[in-house]
PDB file of N, CA and C in Angstrom:
ATOM      1  N   UNK A   1     140.608-116.604-162.399  1.00  0.00           N
ATOM      2  CA  UNK A   1     139.683-117.577-161.758  1.00  0.00           C
ATOM      3  C   UNK A   1     138.546-117.106-161.754  1.00  0.00           C
ATOM      4  N   UNK A   2     137.857-116.403-162.600  1.00  0.00           N
ATOM      5  CA  UNK A   2     136.655-115.758-162.453  1.00  0.00           C
ATOM      6  C   UNK A   2     135.956-117.368-162.458  1.00  0.00           C
ATOM      7  N   UNK A   3     136.239-118.869-163.527  1.00  0.00           N
ATOM      8  CA  UNK A   3     135.491-119.167-163.826  1.00  0.00           C
ATOM      9  C   UNK A   3     134.875-120.376-162.818  1.00  0.00           C
ATOM     10  N   UNK A   4     136.647-120.076-161.497  1.00  0.00           N
ATOM     11  CA  UNK A   4     135.976-121.006-160.954  1.00  0.00           C
ATOM     12  C   UNK A   4     135.310-120.480-159.809  1.00  0.00           C
ATOM     13  N   UNK A   5     135.716-119.814-159.481  1.00  0.00           N
ATOM     14  CA  UNK A   5     134.766-118.687-158.729  1.00  0.00           C
ATOM     15  C   UNK A   5     132.958-118.649-158.983  1.00  0.00           C
ATOM     16  N   UNK A   6     133.204-119.000-159.908  1.00  0.00           N
ATOM     17  CA  UNK A   6     131.545-118.563-160.415  1.00  0.00           C
ATOM     18  C   UNK A   6     131.166-120.077-160.289  1.00  0.00           C
ATOM     19  N   UNK A   7     131.403-120.935-160.904  1.00  0.00           N
ATOM     20  CA  UNK A   7     130.814-122.428-160.812  1.00  0.00           C
ATOM     21  C   UNK A   7     131.393-123.264-159.135  1.00  0.00           C
ATOM     22  N   UNK A   8     131.811-122.848-158.507  1.00  0.00           N
ATOM     23  CA  UNK A   8     131.748-123.076-157.421  1.00  0.00           C
ATOM     24  C   UNK A   8     130.780-122.700-156.589  1.00  0.00           C
ATOM     25  N   UNK A   9     130.570-121.223-156.279  1.00  0.00           N
ATOM     26  CA  UNK A   9     129.606-120.792-156.229  1.00  0.00           C
ATOM     27  C   UNK A   9     128.274-120.696-156.607  1.00  0.00           C
ATOM     28  N   UNK A  10     128.145-121.108-158.282  1.00  0.00           N
ATOM     29  CA  UNK A  10     127.265-122.243-158.617  1.00  0.00           C
ATOM     30  C   UNK A  10     126.981-122.993-157.551  1.00  0.00           C
ATOM     31  N   UNK A  11     127.540-124.645-157.788  1.00  0.00           N
ATOM     32  CA  UNK A  11     127.490-125.582-157.035  1.00  0.00           C
ATOM     33  C   UNK A  11     127.333-125.821-155.871  1.00  0.00           C
ATOM     34  N   UNK A  12     127.638-124.536-155.188  1.00  0.00           N
ATOM     35  CA  UNK A  12     127.133-124.459-153.493  1.00  0.00           C
ATOM     36  C   UNK A  12     125.717-124.050-153.266  1.00  0.00           C
ATOM     37  N   UNK A  13     125.032-123.140-154.074  1.00  0.00           N
ATOM     38  CA  UNK A  13     123.710-122.133-154.346  1.00  0.00           C
ATOM     39  C   UNK A  13     122.886-123.611-154.857  1.00  0.00           C
ATOM     40  N   UNK A  14     123.231-124.876-155.570  1.00  0.00           N
ATOM     41  CA  UNK A  14     122.473-125.163-155.985  1.00  0.00           C
ATOM     42  C   UNK A  14     122.888-126.987-154.695  1.00  0.00           C
ATOM     43  N   UNK A  15     123.957-126.876-153.834  1.00  0.00           N
ATOM     44  CA  UNK A  15     123.057-127.462-153.026  1.00  0.00           C
ATOM     45  C   UNK A  15     122.815-127.516-152.010  1.00  0.00           C
ATOM     46  N   UNK A  16     122.341-126.430-151.956  1.00  0.00           N
ATOM     47  CA  UNK A  16     120.897-125.521-150.432  1.00  0.00           C
ATOM     48  C   UNK A  16     122.534-124.626-149.902  1.00  0.00           C
ATOM     49  N   UNK A  17     124.217-124.333-150.145  1.00  0.00           N
ATOM     50  CA  UNK A  17     124.650-123.659-148.952  1.00  0.00           C
ATOM     51  C   UNK A  17     124.388-121.998-150.272  1.00  0.00           C
ATOM     52  N   UNK A  18     123.490-121.382-150.495  1.00  0.00           N
ATOM     53  CA  UNK A  18     122.919-119.737-151.056  1.00  0.00           C
ATOM     54  C   UNK A  18     123.345-118.892-150.976  1.00  0.00           C
ATOM     55  N   UNK A  19     123.496-118.427-151.471  1.00  0.00           N
ATOM     56  CA  UNK A  19     124.121-116.273-150.966  1.00  0.00           C
ATOM     57  C   UNK A  19     123.165-116.014-150.098  1.00  0.00           C
ATOM     58  N   UNK A  20     123.671-115.374-148.804  1.00  0.00           N
ATOM     59  CA  UNK A  20     123.762-115.813-147.331  1.00  0.00           C
ATOM     60  C   UNK A  20     124.383-116.518-146.243  1.00  0.00           C
ATOM     61  N   UNK A  21     123.970-118.100-146.254  1.00  0.00           N
ATOM     62  CA  UNK A  21     125.004-118.736-146.125  1.00  0.00           C
ATOM     63  C   UNK A  21     126.681-118.494-145.824  1.00  0.00           C
ATOM     64  N   UNK A  22     126.965-117.891-144.483  1.00  0.00           N
ATOM     65  CA  UNK A  22     127.890-117.829-143.467  1.00  0.00           C
ATOM     66  C   UNK A  22     129.132-118.487-144.473  1.00  0.00           C
ATOM     67  N   UNK A  23     129.845-119.093-144.883  1.00  0.00           N
ATOM     68  CA  UNK A  23     130.448-119.928-145.275  1.00  0.00           C
ATOM     69  C   UNK A  23     130.813-119.827-146.962  1.00  0.00           C
ATOM     70  N   UNK A  24     130.013-119.336-147.277  1.00  0.00           N
ATOM     71  CA  UNK A  24     129.796-119.666-149.195  1.00  0.00           C
ATOM     72  C   UNK A  24     131.516-118.713-149.692  1.00  0.00           C
ATOM     73  N   UNK A  25     131.383-117.435-148.945  1.00  0.00           N
ATOM     74  CA  UNK A  25     131.912-116.368-149.768  1.00  0.00           C
ATOM     75  C   UNK A  25     133.697-116.846-149.082  1.00  0.00           C
ATOM     76  N   UNK A  26     133.924-117.847-148.270  1.00  0.00           N
ATOM     77  CA  UNK A  26     135.247-117.920-147.638  1.00  0.00           C
ATOM     78  C   UNK A  26     135.203-119.373-148.082  1.00  0.00           C
ATOM     79  N   UNK A  27     134.259-120.063-149.007  1.00  0.00           N
ATOM     80  CA  UNK A  27     134.364-121.736-150.094  1.00  0.00           C
ATOM     81  C   UNK A  27     135.191-120.893-151.024  1.00  0.00           C
ATOM     82  N   UNK A  28     134.702-120.114-151.403  1.00  0.00           N
ATOM     83  CA  UNK A  28     134.553-119.867-152.857  1.00  0.00           C
ATOM     84  C   UNK A  28     136.379-118.589-152.872  1.00  0.00           C
ATOM     85  N   UNK A  29     136.486-117.499-151.708  1.00  0.00           N
ATOM     86  CA  UNK A  29     137.975-117.860-151.502  1.00  0.00           C
ATOM     87  C   UNK A  29     138.654-118.907-151.512  1.00  0.00           C
ATOM     88  N   UNK A  30     139.071-119.436-151.027  1.00  0.00           N
ATOM     89  CA  UNK A  30     139.866-120.213-150.936  1.00  0.00           C
ATOM     90  C   UNK A  30     139.835-121.352-151.778  1.00  0.00           C
ATOM     91  N   UNK A  31     139.221-121.977-153.014  1.00  0.00           N
ATOM     92  CA  UNK A  31     138.425-122.479-154.152  1.00  0.00           C
ATOM     93  C   UNK A  31     140.019-121.632-154.978  1.00  0.00           C
ATOM     94  N   UNK A  32     139.792-120.280-154.916  1.00  0.00           N
ATOM     95  CA  UNK A  32     139.914-119.395-156.103  1.00  0.00           C
ATOM     96  C   UNK A  32     141.216-119.233-155.828  1.00  0.00           C
ATOM     97  N   UNK A  33     142.026-119.493-154.806  1.00  0.00           N
ATOM     98  CA  UNK A  33     142.743-119.254-154.249  1.00  0.00           C
ATOM     99  C   UNK A  33     144.324-120.418-154.513  1.00  0.00           C
ATOM    100  N   UNK A  34     143.832-120.969-153.727  1.00  0.00           N
ATOM    101  CA  UNK A  34     143.904-122.673-153.708  1.00  0.00           C
ATOM    102  C   UNK A  34     144.833-122.646-156.234  1.00  0.00           C
ATOM    103  N   UNK A  35     143.571-122.318-156.549  1.00  0.00           N
ATOM    104  CA  UNK A  35     143.786-122.548-158.478  1.00  0.00           C
ATOM    105  C   UNK A  35     144.690-121.806-158.653  1.00  0.00           C
ATOM    106  N   UNK A  36     144.837-120.112-158.392  1.00  0.00           N
ATOM    107  CA  UNK A  36     145.109-119.056-158.634  1.00  0.00           C
ATOM    108  C   UNK A  36     147.483-119.315-158.536  1.00  0.00           C
ATOM    109  N   UNK A  37     146.858-120.609-157.067  1.00  0.00           N
ATOM    110  CA  UNK A  37     148.758-120.426-157.115  1.00  0.00           C
ATOM    111  C   UNK A  37     148.703-121.834-157.919  1.00  0.00           C
ATOM    112  N   UNK A  38     147.810-122.351-158.322  1.00  0.00           N
ATOM    113  CA  UNK A  38     148.167-123.596-159.599  1.00  0.00           C
ATOM    114  C   UNK A  38     148.696-122.867-161.022  1.00  0.00           C
ATOM    115  N   UNK A  39     147.709-121.766-161.220  1.00  0.00           N
ATOM    116  CA  UNK A  39     147.761-121.021-162.284  1.00  0.00           C
ATOM    117  C   UNK A  39     149.691-120.235-162.547  1.00  0.00           C
ATOM    118  N   UNK A  40     150.287-119.425-161.008  1.00  0.00           N
ATOM    119  CA  UNK A  40     151.374-119.058-160.525  1.00  0.00           C
ATOM    120  C   UNK A  40     152.237-120.149-160.693  1.00  0.00           C
ATOM    121  N   UNK A  41     152.143-121.423-160.206  1.00  0.00           N
ATOM    122  CA  UNK A  41     153.423-121.676-158.978  1.00  0.00           C
ATOM    123  C   UNK A  41     153.564-122.891-159.948  1.00  0.00           C
ATOM    124  N   UNK A  42     152.566-123.190-160.944  1.00  0.00           N
ATOM    125  CA  UNK A  42     152.510-124.788-161.592  1.00  0.00           C
ATOM    126  C   UNK A  42     152.874-125.244-162.318  1.00  0.00           C
ATOM    127  N   UNK A  43     153.222-125.965-163.686  1.00  0.00           N
ATOM    128  CA  UNK A  43     153.515-126.783-164.709  1.00  0.00           C
ATOM    129  C   UNK A  43     153.474-125.652-165.587  1.00  0.00           C
ATOM    130  N   UNK A  44     154.967-124.880-166.555  1.00  0.00           N
ATOM    131  CA  UNK A  44     154.407-124.317-166.899  1.00  0.00           C
ATOM    132  C   UNK A  44     153.620-124.824-168.561  1.00  0.00           C
ATOM    133  N   UNK A  45     154.093-125.243-169.450  1.00  0.00           N
ATOM    134  CA  UNK A  45     153.741-126.085-170.453  1.00  0.00           C
ATOM    135  C   UNK A  45     152.922-126.108-170.208  1.00  0.00           C
ATOM    136  N   UNK A  46     151.576-127.220-169.330  1.00  0.00           N
ATOM    137  CA  UNK A  46     150.015-127.622-169.800  1.00  0.00           C
ATOM    138  C   UNK A  46     148.779-126.221-168.780  1.00  0.00           C
ATOM    139  N   UNK A  47     149.331-125.319-167.326  1.00  0.00           N
ATOM    140  CA  UNK A  47     148.257-125.184-167.165  1.00  0.00           C
ATOM    141  C   UNK A  47     147.094-125.861-166.476  1.00  0.00           C
ATOM    142  N   UNK A  48     147.110-126.714-166.976  1.00  0.00           N
ATOM    143  CA  UNK A  48     146.493-127.577-166.066  1.00  0.00           C
ATOM    144  C   UNK A  48     145.568-128.471-164.177  1.00  0.00           C
ATOM    145  N   UNK A  49     144.688-128.031-164.109  1.00  0.00           N
ATOM    146  CA  UNK A  49     144.784-128.551-162.929  1.00  0.00           C
ATOM    147  C   UNK A  49     143.093-128.898-163.014  1.00  0.00           C
ATOM    148  N   UNK A  50     142.973-129.279-161.499  1.00  0.00           N
ATOM    149  CA  UNK A  50     141.071-129.841-161.217  1.00  0.00           C
ATOM    150  C   UNK A  50     140.656-128.906-159.717  1.00  0.00           C
ATOM    151  N   UNK A  51     139.720-129.127-159.432  1.00  0.00           N
ATOM    152  CA  UNK A  51     139.112-127.949-158.557  1.00  0.00           C
ATOM    153  C   UNK A  51     138.529-128.720-158.853  1.00  0.00           C
ATOM    154  N   UNK A  52     138.506-129.917-156.955  1.00  0.00           N
ATOM    155  CA  UNK A  52     136.187-130.908-157.366  1.00  0.00           C
ATOM    156  C   UNK A  52     136.290-130.211-155.342  1.00  0.00           C
ATOM    157  N   UNK A  53     134.999-129.616-154.956  1.00  0.00           N
ATOM    158  CA  UNK A  53     134.031-129.114-153.944  1.00  0.00           C
ATOM    159  C   UNK A  53     133.327-130.217-153.325  1.00  0.00           C
ATOM    160  N   UNK A  54     134.035-130.504-152.219  1.00  0.00           N
ATOM    161  CA  UNK A  54     132.471-131.803-151.292  1.00  0.00           C
ATOM    162  C   UNK A  54     132.307-131.634-150.600  1.00  0.00           C
ATOM    163  N   UNK A  55     131.041-130.649-150.468  1.00  0.00           N
ATOM    164  CA  UNK A  55     129.528-130.204-148.621  1.00  0.00           C
ATOM    165  C   UNK A  55     129.530-131.511-148.998  1.00  0.00           C
ATOM    166  N   UNK A  56     130.126-131.148-147.345  1.00  0.00           N
ATOM    167  CA  UNK A  56     129.641-132.620-146.309  1.00  0.00           C
ATOM    168  C   UNK A  56     129.085-132.008-145.177  1.00  0.00           C
ATOM    169  N   UNK A  57     127.433-133.312-144.574  1.00  0.00           N
ATOM    170  CA  UNK A  57     126.716-133.628-144.224  1.00  0.00           C
ATOM    171  C   UNK A  57     126.241-131.667-142.931  1.00  0.00           C
ATOM    172  N   UNK A  58     128.185-131.554-142.291  1.00  0.00           N
ATOM    173  CA  UNK A  58     127.851-130.986-141.700  1.00  0.00           C
ATOM    174  C   UNK A  58     127.691-129.473-142.086  1.00  0.00           C
ATOM    175  N   UNK A  59     127.197-129.491-143.459  1.00  0.00           N
ATOM    176  CA  UNK A  59     127.422-127.494-143.508  1.00  0.00           C
ATOM    177  C   UNK A  59     128.796-126.849-144.627  1.00  0.00           C
ATOM    178  N   UNK A  60     130.133-128.078-144.245  1.00  0.00           N
ATOM    179  CA  UNK A  60     131.311-127.897-143.999  1.00  0.00           C
ATOM    180  C   UNK A  60     131.556-128.204-145.622  1.00  0.00           C
ATOM    181  N   UNK A  61     132.507-127.476-145.786  1.00  0.00           N
ATOM    182  CA  UNK A  61     133.196-128.331-147.325  1.00  0.00           C
ATOM    183  C   UNK A  61     134.215-128.177-147.427  1.00  0.00           C
ATOM    184  N   UNK A  62     135.107-129.425-148.265  1.00  0.00           N
ATOM    185  CA  UNK A  62     135.981-130.167-148.548  1.00  0.00           C
ATOM    186  C   UNK A  62     137.261-129.663-149.971  1.00  0.00           C
ATOM    187  N   UNK A  63     137.727-129.442-149.919  1.00  0.00           N
ATOM    188  CA  UNK A  63     138.323-128.450-151.123  1.00  0.00           C
ATOM    189  C   UNK A  63     139.353-129.551-151.901  1.00  0.00           C
ATOM    190  N   UNK A  64     139.580-129.262-152.921  1.00  0.00           N
ATOM    191  CA  UNK A  64     140.991-130.321-153.903  1.00  0.00           C
ATOM    192  C   UNK A  64     141.218-129.594-155.240  1.00  0.00           C
ATOM    193  N   UNK A  65     142.066-129.045-154.698  1.00  0.00           N
ATOM    194  CA  UNK A  65     142.513-128.892-156.667  1.00  0.00           C
ATOM    195  C   UNK A  65     144.172-129.383-156.335  1.00  0.00           C
ATOM    196  N   UNK A  66     144.260-130.144-157.744  1.00  0.00           N
ATOM    197  CA  UNK A  66     144.958-130.596-158.280  1.00  0.00           C
ATOM    198  C   UNK A  66     145.668-130.668-159.667  1.00  0.00           C
ATOM    199  N   UNK A  67     147.503-130.894-159.875  1.00  0.00           N
ATOM    200  CA  UNK A  67     147.711-130.087-161.076  1.00  0.00           C
ATOM    201  C   UNK A  67     149.326-131.870-160.439  1.00  0.00           C
ATOM    202  N   UNK A  68     149.883-131.856-162.144  1.00  0.00           N
ATOM    203  CA  UNK A  68     150.917-132.328-162.202  1.00  0.00           C
ATOM    204  C   UNK A  68     152.081-132.160-161.878  1.00  0.00           C
ATOM    205  N   UNK A  69     151.760-130.571-160.858  1.00  0.00           N
ATOM    206  CA  UNK A  69     152.655-130.324-160.794  1.00  0.00           C
ATOM    207  C   UNK A  69     153.340-130.823-159.246  1.00  0.00           C
ATOM    208  N   UNK A  70     154.914-130.890-158.774  1.00  0.00           N
ATOM    209  CA  UNK A  70     155.335-131.668-158.300  1.00  0.00           C
ATOM    210  C   UNK A  70     156.185-130.923-156.406  1.00  0.00           C
ATOM    211  N   UNK A  71     156.155-129.519-157.289  1.00  0.00           N
ATOM    212  CA  UNK A  71     156.666-128.374-155.782  1.00  0.00           C
ATOM    213  C   UNK A  71     155.110-128.901-154.921  1.00  0.00           C
ATOM    214  N   UNK A  72     156.025-127.838-153.931  1.00  0.00           N
ATOM    215  CA  UNK A  72     154.699-128.390-153.065  1.00  0.00           C
ATOM    216  C   UNK A  72     154.959-127.112-151.852  1.00  0.00           C
ATOM    217  N   UNK A  73     153.506-126.563-151.488  1.00  0.00           N
ATOM    218  CA  UNK A  73     152.909-125.125-151.903  1.00  0.00           C
ATOM    219  C   UNK A  73     154.011-124.393-149.343  1.00  0.00           C
ATOM    220  N   UNK A  74     154.742-123.751-149.663  1.00  0.00           N
ATOM    221  CA  UNK A  74     154.858-123.569-148.088  1.00  0.00           C
ATOM    222  C   UNK A  74     154.116-121.829-147.961  1.00  0.00           C
ATOM    223  N   UNK A  75     154.116-122.118-146.921  1.00  0.00           N
ATOM    224  CA  UNK A  75     153.318-120.293-145.735  1.00  0.00           C
ATOM    225  C   UNK A  75     154.239-119.611-146.409  1.00  0.00           C
ATOM    226  N   UNK A  76     154.346-118.063-147.346  1.00  0.00           N
ATOM    227  CA  UNK A  76     155.874-117.659-147.065  1.00  0.00           C
ATOM    228  C   UNK A  76     155.446-116.394-146.612  1.00  0.00           C
ATOM    229  N   UNK A  77     156.962-116.082-146.149  1.00  0.00           N
ATOM    230  CA  UNK A  77     156.779-114.429-145.102  1.00  0.00           C
ATOM    231  C   UNK A  77     157.033-113.830-145.963  1.00  0.00           C
ATOM    232  N   UNK A  78     156.367-112.213-145.683  1.00  0.00           N
ATOM    233  CA  UNK A  78     156.059-112.061-146.676  1.00  0.00           C
ATOM    234  C   UNK A  78     155.909-110.470-146.157  1.00  0.00           C
ATOM    235  N   UNK A  79     156.065-109.199-146.902  1.00  0.00           N
ATOM    236  CA  UNK A  79     156.510-107.609-146.722  1.00  0.00           C
ATOM    237  C   UNK A  79     155.456-107.400-146.741  1.00  0.00           C
ATOM    238  N   UNK A  80     155.499-106.396-145.941  1.00  0.00           N
ATOM    239  CA  UNK A  80     154.150-104.776-146.208  1.00  0.00           C
ATOM    240  C   UNK A  80     154.017-104.730-147.418  1.00  0.00           C
ATOM    241  N   UNK A  81     155.091-104.362-148.528  1.00  0.00           N
ATOM    242  CA  UNK A  81     155.061-103.898-149.428  1.00  0.00           C
ATOM    243  C   UNK A  81     154.826-104.532-151.045  1.00  0.00           C
ATOM    244  N   UNK A  82     154.962-105.805-150.239  1.00  0.00           N
ATOM    245  CA  UNK A  82     155.143-106.926-151.451  1.00  0.00           C
ATOM    246  C   UNK A  82     153.872-107.300-152.087  1.00  0.00           C
ATOM    247  N   UNK A  83     153.055-107.476-153.346  1.00  0.00           N
ATOM    248  CA  UNK A  83     151.960-107.207-154.183  1.00  0.00           C
ATOM    249  C   UNK A  83     151.923-108.723-153.503  1.00  0.00           C
ATOM    250  N   UNK A  84     151.984-109.975-153.987  1.00  0.00           N
ATOM    251  CA  UNK A  84     151.615-111.853-154.197  1.00  0.00           C
ATOM    252  C   UNK A  84     152.194-112.480-152.651  1.00  0.00           C
ATOM    253  N   UNK A  85     152.244-113.776-152.085  1.00  0.00           N
ATOM    254  CA  UNK A  85     152.602-114.123-151.593  1.00  0.00           C
ATOM    255  C   UNK A  85     151.880-113.765-150.793  1.00  0.00           C
ATOM    256  N   UNK A  86     150.348-113.651-150.145  1.00  0.00           N
ATOM    257  CA  UNK A  86     149.403-113.787-149.478  1.00  0.00           C
ATOM    258  C   UNK A  86     148.376-114.845-150.032  1.00  0.00           C
ATOM    259  N   UNK A  87     148.219-115.051-150.976  1.00  0.00           N
ATOM    260  CA  UNK A  87     146.779-116.709-150.583  1.00  0.00           C
ATOM    261  C   UNK A  87     146.980-117.057-150.398  1.00  0.00           C
ATOM    262  N   UNK A  88     148.191-118.669-149.934  1.00  0.00           N
ATOM    263  CA  UNK A  88     148.379-119.394-148.387  1.00  0.00           C
ATOM    264  C   UNK A  88     148.014-119.279-147.506  1.00  0.00           C
ATOM    265  N   UNK A  89     148.296-118.231-147.320  1.00  0.00           N
ATOM    266  CA  UNK A  89     148.029-117.300-145.921  1.00  0.00           C
ATOM    267  C   UNK A  89     146.605-117.795-146.133  1.00  0.00           C
ATOM    268  N   UNK A  90     146.032-116.848-146.481  1.00  0.00           N
ATOM    269  CA  UNK A  90     144.591-116.620-146.631  1.00  0.00           C
ATOM    270  C   UNK A  90     144.174-117.872-146.477  1.00  0.00           C
ATOM    271  N   UNK A  91     144.398-118.981-146.703  1.00  0.00           N
ATOM    272  CA  UNK A  91     143.590-120.255-146.512  1.00  0.00           C
ATOM    273  C   UNK A  91     143.934-120.303-145.520  1.00  0.00           C
ATOM    274  N   UNK A  92     145.490-120.512-145.047  1.00  0.00           N
ATOM    275  CA  UNK A  92     145.488-121.304-143.527  1.00  0.00           C
ATOM    276  C   UNK A  92     144.455-120.543-143.182  1.00  0.00           C
ATOM    277  N   UNK A  93     144.703-118.981-142.530  1.00  0.00           N
ATOM    278  CA  UNK A  93     143.424-118.140-142.006  1.00  0.00           C
ATOM    279  C   UNK A  93     141.924-118.666-141.936  1.00  0.00           C
ATOM    280  N   UNK A  94     141.430-118.815-142.718  1.00  0.00           N
ATOM    281  CA  UNK A  94     140.057-119.318-143.053  1.00  0.00           C
ATOM    282  C   UNK A  94     139.875-120.460-142.672  1.00  0.00           C
ATOM    283  N   UNK A  95     140.792-121.649-143.348  1.00  0.00           N
ATOM    284  CA  UNK A  95     140.746-123.219-143.823  1.00  0.00           C
ATOM    285  C   UNK A  95     140.774-123.706-141.899  1.00  0.00           C
ATOM    286  N   UNK A  96     140.014-124.659-141.398  1.00  0.00           N
ATOM    287  CA  UNK A  96     140.012-124.972-140.672  1.00  0.00           C
ATOM    288  C   UNK A  96     141.910-126.085-140.233  1.00  0.00           C
ATOM    289  N   UNK A  97     141.654-126.667-141.187  1.00  0.00           N
ATOM    290  CA  UNK A  97     142.492-126.924-142.112  1.00  0.00           C
ATOM    291  C   UNK A  97     142.743-127.558-143.279  1.00  0.00           C
ATOM    292  N   UNK A  98     144.458-127.720-143.885  1.00  0.00           N
ATOM    293  CA  UNK A  98     144.755-127.448-145.364  1.00  0.00           C
ATOM    294  C   UNK A  98     145.711-128.551-145.460  1.00  0.00           C
ATOM    295  N   UNK A  99     146.104-128.449-146.312  1.00  0.00           N
ATOM    296  CA  UNK A  99     147.516-129.811-146.794  1.00  0.00           C
ATOM    297  C   UNK A  99     147.153-129.965-148.402  1.00  0.00           C
ATOM    298  N   UNK A 100     148.725-130.952-148.271  1.00  0.00           N
ATOM    299  CA  UNK A 100     149.013-131.635-150.134  1.00  0.00           C
ATOM    300  C   UNK A 100     149.585-132.705-148.925  1.00  0.00           C
ATOM    301  N   UNK A 101     149.203-133.160-150.457  1.00  0.00           N
ATOM    302  CA  UNK A 101     148.697-134.738-150.495  1.00  0.00           C
ATOM    303  C   UNK A 101     149.699-135.097-151.991  1.00  0.00           C
ATOM    304  N   UNK A 102     150.461-135.888-151.518  1.00  0.00           N
ATOM    305  CA  UNK A 102     151.313-135.848-153.052  1.00  0.00           C
ATOM    306  C   UNK A 102     150.551-137.439-153.955  1.00  0.00           C
ATOM    307  N   UNK A 103     150.371-137.510-155.646  1.00  0.00           N
ATOM    308  CA  UNK A 103     150.190-138.316-156.574  1.00  0.00           C
ATOM    309  C   UNK A 103     151.626-138.805-156.500  1.00  0.00           C
ATOM    310  N   UNK A 104     152.542-138.710-156.163  1.00  0.00           N
ATOM    311  CA  UNK A 104     153.544-139.063-157.204  1.00  0.00           C
ATOM    312  C   UNK A 104     154.317-139.006-158.735  1.00  0.00           C
ATOM    313  N   UNK A 105     154.412-139.302-159.559  1.00  0.00           N
ATOM    314  CA  UNK A 105     154.351-138.434-160.554  1.00  0.00           C
ATOM    315  C   UNK A 105     153.739-137.906-160.938  1.00  0.00           C
ATOM    316  N   UNK A 106     152.746-138.075-160.880  1.00  0.00           N
ATOM    317  CA  UNK A 106     150.986-137.163-161.573  1.00  0.00           C
ATOM    318  C   UNK A 106     150.965-135.781-160.779  1.00  0.00           C
ATOM    319  N   UNK A 107     152.181-135.926-160.277  1.00  0.00           N
ATOM    320  CA  UNK A 107     151.341-134.545-159.354  1.00  0.00           C
ATOM    321  C   UNK A 107     151.379-134.003-157.862  1.00  0.00           C
ATOM    322  N   UNK A 108     150.233-133.534-157.442  1.00  0.00           N
ATOM    323  CA  UNK A 108     150.141-133.462-155.769  1.00  0.00           C
ATOM    324  C   UNK A 108     148.307-132.599-156.068  1.00  0.00           C
ATOM    325  N   UNK A 109     147.877-132.726-154.426  1.00  0.00           N
ATOM    326  CA  UNK A 109     146.424-132.550-154.381  1.00  0.00           C
ATOM    327  C   UNK A 109     146.547-131.401-153.726  1.00  0.00           C
ATOM    328  N   UNK A 110     146.551-130.454-153.514  1.00  0.00           N
ATOM    329  CA  UNK A 110     146.343-129.479-151.970  1.00  0.00           C
ATOM    330  C   UNK A 110     145.142-129.127-151.504  1.00  0.00           C
ATOM    331  N   UNK A 111     144.590-129.604-151.392  1.00  0.00           N
ATOM    332  CA  UNK A 111     143.218-129.735-150.032  1.00  0.00           C
ATOM    333  C   UNK A 111     142.979-128.747-148.826  1.00  0.00           C
ATOM    334  N   UNK A 112     141.664-128.581-148.379  1.00  0.00           N
ATOM    335  CA  UNK A 112     141.511-127.125-147.179  1.00  0.00           C
ATOM    336  C   UNK A 112     139.754-128.047-146.897  1.00  0.00           C
ATOM    337  N   UNK A 113     139.290-127.494-145.809  1.00  0.00           N
ATOM    338  CA  UNK A 113     138.446-127.906-145.282  1.00  0.00           C
ATOM    339  C   UNK A 113     137.841-126.461-144.219  1.00  0.00           C
ATOM    340  N   UNK A 114     136.404-126.515-145.343  1.00  0.00           N
ATOM    341  CA  UNK A 114     136.807-125.103-144.362  1.00  0.00           C
ATOM    342  C   UNK A 114     134.802-124.992-144.093  1.00  0.00           C
ATOM    343  N   UNK A 115     134.736-124.933-143.301  1.00  0.00           N
ATOM    344  CA  UNK A 115     133.031-124.230-142.340  1.00  0.00           C
ATOM    345  C   UNK A 115     133.380-125.110-141.799  1.00  0.00           C
TER     346      UNK A 115
END
């Protein structure tokens, strides 16, 4: 996920959301968590996914992570000592909104609005 974090941070910096921008770390974290979910839970053979980040005029960012899997991510109850299962909870806490769009037989897109 290092590549996702690095590329999102670089692009946002190029677009004027540089270091010191209050939402930069949150945007990078949400993109990374959504991409991590694809790697952990996506189609076993491909592990291919697409990340798109759109910087909006109000300073917020719309993040989309698409893959060919059809399983819809859901918030999980996790125990105090569980080592996984918290990524989507982080997204839910940080994002102003998030959801899933079906792409039919071509998979799904998980999106989040941050900022």
